[in-house]
Structures are given as C-alpha cells and as structure tokens.
C-alpha cells in the first residue's frame, strides 16, 4: 500500500517535461495520468482520499475534496488545492501592493503629467481592486477610503482643501456633527474641483465623461479605466 505513494499527488494529467504545462492531444483534450498498476493505484487513491477528507478542514479545502468525492481522484484534489492556495498567496501580495500605494501615493509628488481627473479615477480603480480581493470583514471602510484619498491630495493646491471646505460649509450652514461624507461624494467633489484646472491646461476630454466614468468604476468591476496617462499606476 505504501509503495510509491507520491504518485497520489502527481499532476492529474500528462505534463511536458520542458515547460511543465499539461499536454493536449490532437483533439484538444488533456491526457489523463495513467498509473503503471491500475489495481494498486485504486487502492492507494481510496486510502489517501480518506486521509484528505480528515485533514482538509478549511471551507475551501472541504469543498474541493467533496467535489471530487465520486472519482476519489486525489491527484485532481491535490492539484486544485495547490492552485487555490498559490493564487491566495498571489492575491495577498497584490493586496499589500495596492494598499501600500493607496496609503502613500500623492498626486503632488507623482510623475503624473495628465489630467488630474484621470489620476483621481486611477486612485478609485486601485481602491476597487483592493476591495475586490478582500472578504467583507476586511474591506476598507468608507471613512478610511476618504482619509486615504484626502491624504493623496496633500500638496495639490486646488484639491487639498476640498474636504476642509466642505466641512466648513456644513458648519456655516448649521449642520451639526458628526461630519460624514461618503467616498463617492468626496470623489465627485474632487472631480468637480479638478475640472477647471484640467480645462485650463487644455488637455484631454471634457469633464462630464470623467464624472460618468467614476460611477462605472465604483459600480461595475468589469469596467476598466481607458485612460493611460498615469505613469504611477500601482
């Protein structure tokens, strides 16, 4: 039973020895792994599958095991487990990169030479990508997103005071604290404040299309920002 147990976690399909990729036959199908001893292989797979049932306790791991319960294909289970957790590590690293950029980036000291509205929409897209990689409990709060974006405006004269101006206007109007502004509302105000500057330097498209793009970025993860002016993308 213990002979060549490592074959239980070999790739489920034939692989190219040079590239490590799965081999595809002339019909475009993957070629399943063929064990030397079919009878022994079945016994070992049955035993090792029961081991995986016992040790795989996370929700994702349990789901992968259960999806292969009928075939007891331990090679397929192992392949899917490795793929999932390797992707999870990549996602975590990407999350860290996005969060670091969102926390530290500032328009004033970036190399951005295009529309200020495009920098703002790029910032929104960075936040969207970060949020999409998080579980609900780990997503940034609206207030944190506002704070990060406000910090990124420091040093940009016509944009750094937008939040303070809004707060002052509320106080002057007699609106009591707490002072709350949504991330979406703050971005709208920043875009409005950026429009005269962008128009003055005579670059790019009209401001109305930028405002519309903002809504699509926040509301639909499949939409992508078409503008490529920003050289400081995370």
Protein backbone atom coordinates (compact mmCIF):
# COMPACT_ATOMS: atom_id res chain seq x y z
CA UNK A 1 0.00 0.00 0.00
CA UNK A 2 2.82 2.43 0.82
CA UNK A 3 4.68 1.77 -2.45
CA UNK A 4 5.19 4.98 -4.46
CA UNK A 5 2.57 6.95 -2.53
CA UNK A 6 3.99 10.15 -4.01
CA UNK A 7 2.13 9.23 -7.21
CA UNK A 8 -1.10 10.16 -5.38
CA UNK A 9 -0.21 13.85 -5.72
CA UNK A 10 1.32 13.83 -9.18
CA UNK A 11 -0.33 16.15 -11.73
CA UNK A 12 -3.70 14.69 -12.85
CA UNK A 13 -2.69 14.98 -16.50
CA UNK A 14 0.42 14.32 -18.53
CA UNK A 15 2.85 17.22 -18.42
CA UNK A 16 5.51 18.48 -20.77
CA UNK A 17 8.88 17.78 -19.15
CA UNK A 18 10.33 21.02 -20.56
CA UNK A 19 7.54 23.51 -19.85
CA UNK A 20 5.67 21.79 -17.01
CA UNK A 21 2.40 22.52 -18.83
CA UNK A 22 -0.34 19.95 -19.34
CA UNK A 23 -0.08 18.08 -22.65
CA UNK A 24 -3.01 18.40 -25.06
CA UNK A 25 -3.78 15.67 -27.60
CA UNK A 26 -4.70 16.21 -31.25
CA UNK A 27 -8.37 16.56 -30.28
CA UNK A 28 -7.58 19.42 -27.90
CA UNK A 29 -8.15 17.29 -24.81
CA UNK A 30 -5.92 16.92 -21.76
CA UNK A 31 -4.31 13.50 -21.43
CA UNK A 32 -5.10 11.88 -18.06
CA UNK A 33 -2.31 10.42 -15.96
CA UNK A 34 -2.03 6.66 -16.44
CA UNK A 35 -0.63 4.67 -13.46
CA UNK A 36 1.53 1.61 -14.06
CA UNK A 37 -0.59 -0.55 -11.76
CA UNK A 38 -4.30 0.30 -12.02
CA UNK A 39 -5.34 -2.00 -9.15
CA UNK A 40 -2.77 -0.68 -6.69
CA UNK A 41 -3.48 2.87 -7.78
CA UNK A 42 -7.19 2.49 -7.00
CA UNK A 43 -6.45 1.11 -3.52
CA UNK A 44 -3.99 3.89 -2.77
CA UNK A 45 -6.34 6.60 -4.05
CA UNK A 46 -9.17 5.29 -1.88
CA UNK A 47 -6.94 5.28 1.20
CA UNK A 48 -5.34 8.67 0.51
CA UNK A 49 -8.69 10.27 -0.29
CA UNK A 50 -9.93 9.30 3.18
CA UNK A 51 -6.80 10.95 4.60
CA UNK A 52 -7.61 14.15 2.68
CA UNK A 53 -11.19 14.07 3.99
CA UNK A 54 -9.81 14.01 7.53
CA UNK A 55 -7.11 16.67 7.16
CA UNK A 56 -8.79 19.18 4.84
CA UNK A 57 -10.83 21.24 7.30
CA UNK A 58 -10.97 24.74 5.80
CA UNK A 59 -14.18 25.59 3.88
CA UNK A 60 -12.42 25.81 0.52
CA UNK A 61 -10.42 22.61 1.05
CA UNK A 62 -13.56 20.72 2.12
CA UNK A 63 -15.38 21.96 -0.98
CA UNK A 64 -12.57 20.79 -3.28
CA UNK A 65 -12.50 17.36 -1.64
CA UNK A 66 -16.29 16.98 -1.80
CA UNK A 67 -16.39 17.98 -5.47
CA UNK A 68 -14.12 15.00 -6.24
CA UNK A 69 -15.79 12.51 -3.89
CA UNK A 70 -17.28 10.39 -6.68
CA UNK A 71 -14.00 9.85 -8.50
CA UNK A 72 -11.72 9.95 -5.43
CA UNK A 73 -9.14 11.45 -7.75
CA UNK A 74 -6.51 12.51 -5.23
CA UNK A 75 -4.29 13.94 -7.97
CA UNK A 76 -7.06 16.30 -9.06
CA UNK A 77 -7.78 17.25 -5.44
CA UNK A 78 -4.12 18.00 -4.78
CA UNK A 79 -3.82 19.99 -7.99
CA UNK A 80 -6.85 22.13 -7.10
CA UNK A 81 -5.66 22.65 -3.53
CA UNK A 82 -2.21 23.81 -4.71
CA UNK A 83 -3.73 26.07 -7.36
CA UNK A 84 -6.09 27.68 -4.86
CA UNK A 85 -3.51 28.38 -2.19
CA UNK A 86 -0.90 29.58 -4.67
CA UNK A 87 -3.47 32.02 -6.03
CA UNK A 88 -4.32 33.05 -2.48
CA UNK A 89 -0.68 33.94 -1.82
CA UNK A 90 -0.53 35.95 -5.04
CA UNK A 91 -3.75 37.75 -4.12
CA UNK A 92 -2.39 38.59 -0.68
CA UNK A 93 0.80 40.04 -2.16
CA UNK A 94 -1.21 42.03 -4.70
CA UNK A 95 -3.47 43.31 -1.91
CA UNK A 96 -0.46 44.52 0.04
CA UNK A 97 0.91 46.34 -3.01
CA UNK A 98 -2.42 48.04 -3.70
CA UNK A 99 -2.93 49.06 -0.07
CA UNK A 100 0.59 50.46 0.24
CA UNK A 101 0.12 52.54 -2.92
CA UNK A 102 -3.31 53.82 -1.81
CA UNK A 103 -1.92 54.75 1.61
CA UNK A 104 1.22 56.55 0.42
CA UNK A 105 0.59 57.87 -3.10
CA UNK A 106 0.30 61.64 -3.54
CA UNK A 107 -0.56 63.45 -6.73
CA UNK A 108 1.81 66.32 -5.97
CA UNK A 109 4.95 64.19 -5.92
CA UNK A 110 3.96 61.67 -8.56
CA UNK A 111 5.21 61.68 -12.14
CA UNK A 112 1.68 62.10 -13.42
CA UNK A 113 1.54 64.55 -16.33
CA UNK A 114 -2.05 64.13 -17.49
CA UNK A 115 -5.46 65.21 -16.31
CA UNK A 116 -5.87 65.41 -12.56
CA UNK A 117 -9.25 63.78 -13.05
CA UNK A 118 -7.51 60.76 -14.58
CA UNK A 119 -5.27 60.45 -11.51
CA UNK A 120 -8.33 60.52 -9.27
CA UNK A 121 -10.13 57.85 -11.30
CA UNK A 122 -6.98 55.72 -11.28
CA UNK A 123 -6.94 56.04 -7.48
CA UNK A 124 -10.57 54.88 -7.35
CA UNK A 125 -9.71 51.89 -9.52
CA UNK A 126 -6.87 50.96 -7.15
CA UNK A 127 -9.29 51.02 -4.21
CA UNK A 128 -11.81 48.95 -6.18
CA UNK A 129 -9.20 46.32 -7.00
CA UNK A 130 -8.12 46.14 -3.37
CA UNK A 131 -11.71 45.81 -2.11
CA UNK A 132 -12.44 43.08 -4.67
CA UNK A 133 -9.66 40.94 -3.19
CA UNK A 134 -10.96 41.23 0.38
CA UNK A 135 -13.57 39.37 2.37
CA UNK A 136 -16.40 41.56 3.64
CA UNK A 137 -14.88 41.91 7.09
CA UNK A 138 -11.52 43.01 5.68
CA UNK A 139 -12.75 45.65 3.25
CA UNK A 140 -11.75 49.26 3.91
CA UNK A 141 -14.46 51.38 5.47
CA UNK A 142 -15.84 54.38 3.59
CA UNK A 143 -14.16 56.72 6.07
CA UNK A 144 -10.78 55.04 5.60
CA UNK A 145 -11.09 55.40 1.82
CA UNK A 146 -11.90 59.09 2.29
CA UNK A 147 -8.90 59.55 4.60
CA UNK A 148 -6.52 57.80 2.19
CA UNK A 149 -7.73 59.80 -0.80
CA UNK A 150 -7.62 63.06 1.16
CA UNK A 151 -4.01 62.34 2.10
CA UNK A 152 -3.17 61.76 -1.55
CA UNK A 153 -4.33 65.30 -2.34
CA UNK A 154 -1.86 66.96 0.07
CA UNK A 155 0.36 69.38 -1.81
CA UNK A 156 -2.04 69.82 -4.73
CA UNK A 157 -3.28 73.36 -4.10
CA UNK A 158 -6.68 73.30 -5.80
CA UNK A 159 -7.60 69.85 -4.41
CA UNK A 160 -6.10 69.53 -0.92
CA UNK A 161 -8.68 71.83 0.67
CA UNK A 162 -11.81 70.26 -0.85
CA UNK A 163 -12.68 68.23 2.24
CA UNK A 164 -11.99 71.09 4.66
CA UNK A 165 -14.05 73.48 2.53
CA UNK A 166 -16.98 71.08 2.55
CA UNK A 167 -16.73 70.70 6.32
CA UNK A 168 -16.60 74.49 6.81
CA UNK A 169 -19.63 74.97 4.57
CA UNK A 170 -21.60 72.45 6.62
CA UNK A 171 -20.68 74.19 9.87
CA UNK A 172 -21.64 77.56 8.42
CA UNK A 173 -24.99 76.16 7.38
CA UNK A 174 -25.61 74.99 10.93
CA UNK A 175 -25.41 71.29 10.15
CA UNK A 176 -24.36 69.52 13.38
CA UNK A 177 -21.63 66.95 13.70
CA UNK A 178 -20.79 64.15 13.16
CA UNK A 179 -19.27 65.13 9.85
CA UNK A 180 -19.85 62.31 7.42
CA UNK A 181 -19.09 62.19 3.71
CA UNK A 182 -19.18 59.08 1.60
CA UNK A 183 -16.23 58.07 -0.55
CA UNK A 184 -18.39 58.50 -3.64
CA UNK A 185 -19.45 62.02 -2.65
CA UNK A 186 -15.88 63.06 -1.86
CA UNK A 187 -14.66 61.78 -5.22
CA UNK A 188 -17.42 63.70 -7.00
CA UNK A 189 -16.34 66.91 -5.25
CA UNK A 190 -12.70 66.29 -6.13
CA UNK A 191 -13.55 65.72 -9.77
CA UNK A 192 -15.58 68.93 -9.85
CA UNK A 193 -12.67 70.82 -8.30
CA UNK A 194 -10.22 69.32 -10.82
CA UNK A 195 -12.28 70.26 -13.88
CA UNK A 196 -11.26 73.95 -14.10
CA UNK A 197 -7.57 73.07 -13.76
CA UNK A 198 -7.80 70.36 -16.42
CA UNK A 199 -9.70 72.69 -18.72
CA UNK A 200 -7.15 75.46 -18.19
CA UNK A 201 -4.19 73.35 -19.23
CA UNK A 202 -6.14 72.30 -22.31
CA UNK A 203 -5.68 68.56 -22.02
CA UNK A 204 -7.88 65.67 -22.92
CA UNK A 205 -11.55 65.03 -22.81
CA UNK A 206 -14.40 67.01 -21.33
CA UNK A 207 -15.12 66.73 -17.61
CA UNK A 208 -18.59 65.28 -17.95
CA UNK A 209 -17.24 62.00 -19.32
CA UNK A 210 -14.88 61.76 -16.37
CA UNK A 211 -17.73 62.06 -13.89
CA UNK A 212 -19.60 59.29 -15.68
CA UNK A 213 -16.52 57.08 -15.63
CA UNK A 214 -16.38 57.43 -11.86
CA UNK A 215 -19.78 55.82 -11.47
CA UNK A 216 -18.87 52.90 -13.71
CA UNK A 217 -15.63 52.29 -11.82
CA UNK A 218 -17.32 52.10 -8.43
CA UNK A 219 -20.34 50.21 -9.65
CA UNK A 220 -19.03 47.56 -12.03
CA UNK A 221 -15.87 45.59 -11.54
CA UNK A 222 -15.77 44.62 -15.20
CA UNK A 223 -15.33 48.19 -16.38
CA UNK A 224 -11.78 49.37 -16.87
CA UNK A 225 -10.38 52.86 -16.98
CA UNK A 226 -9.38 53.61 -20.55
CA UNK A 227 -7.05 56.45 -19.71
CA UNK A 228 -3.36 55.56 -19.55
CA UNK A 229 -1.88 58.95 -18.69
CA UNK A 230 -0.76 57.93 -15.20
CA UNK A 231 2.75 56.57 -15.02
CA UNK A 232 2.47 55.92 -11.28
CA UNK A 233 -0.02 53.05 -11.51
CA UNK A 234 0.44 50.54 -8.68
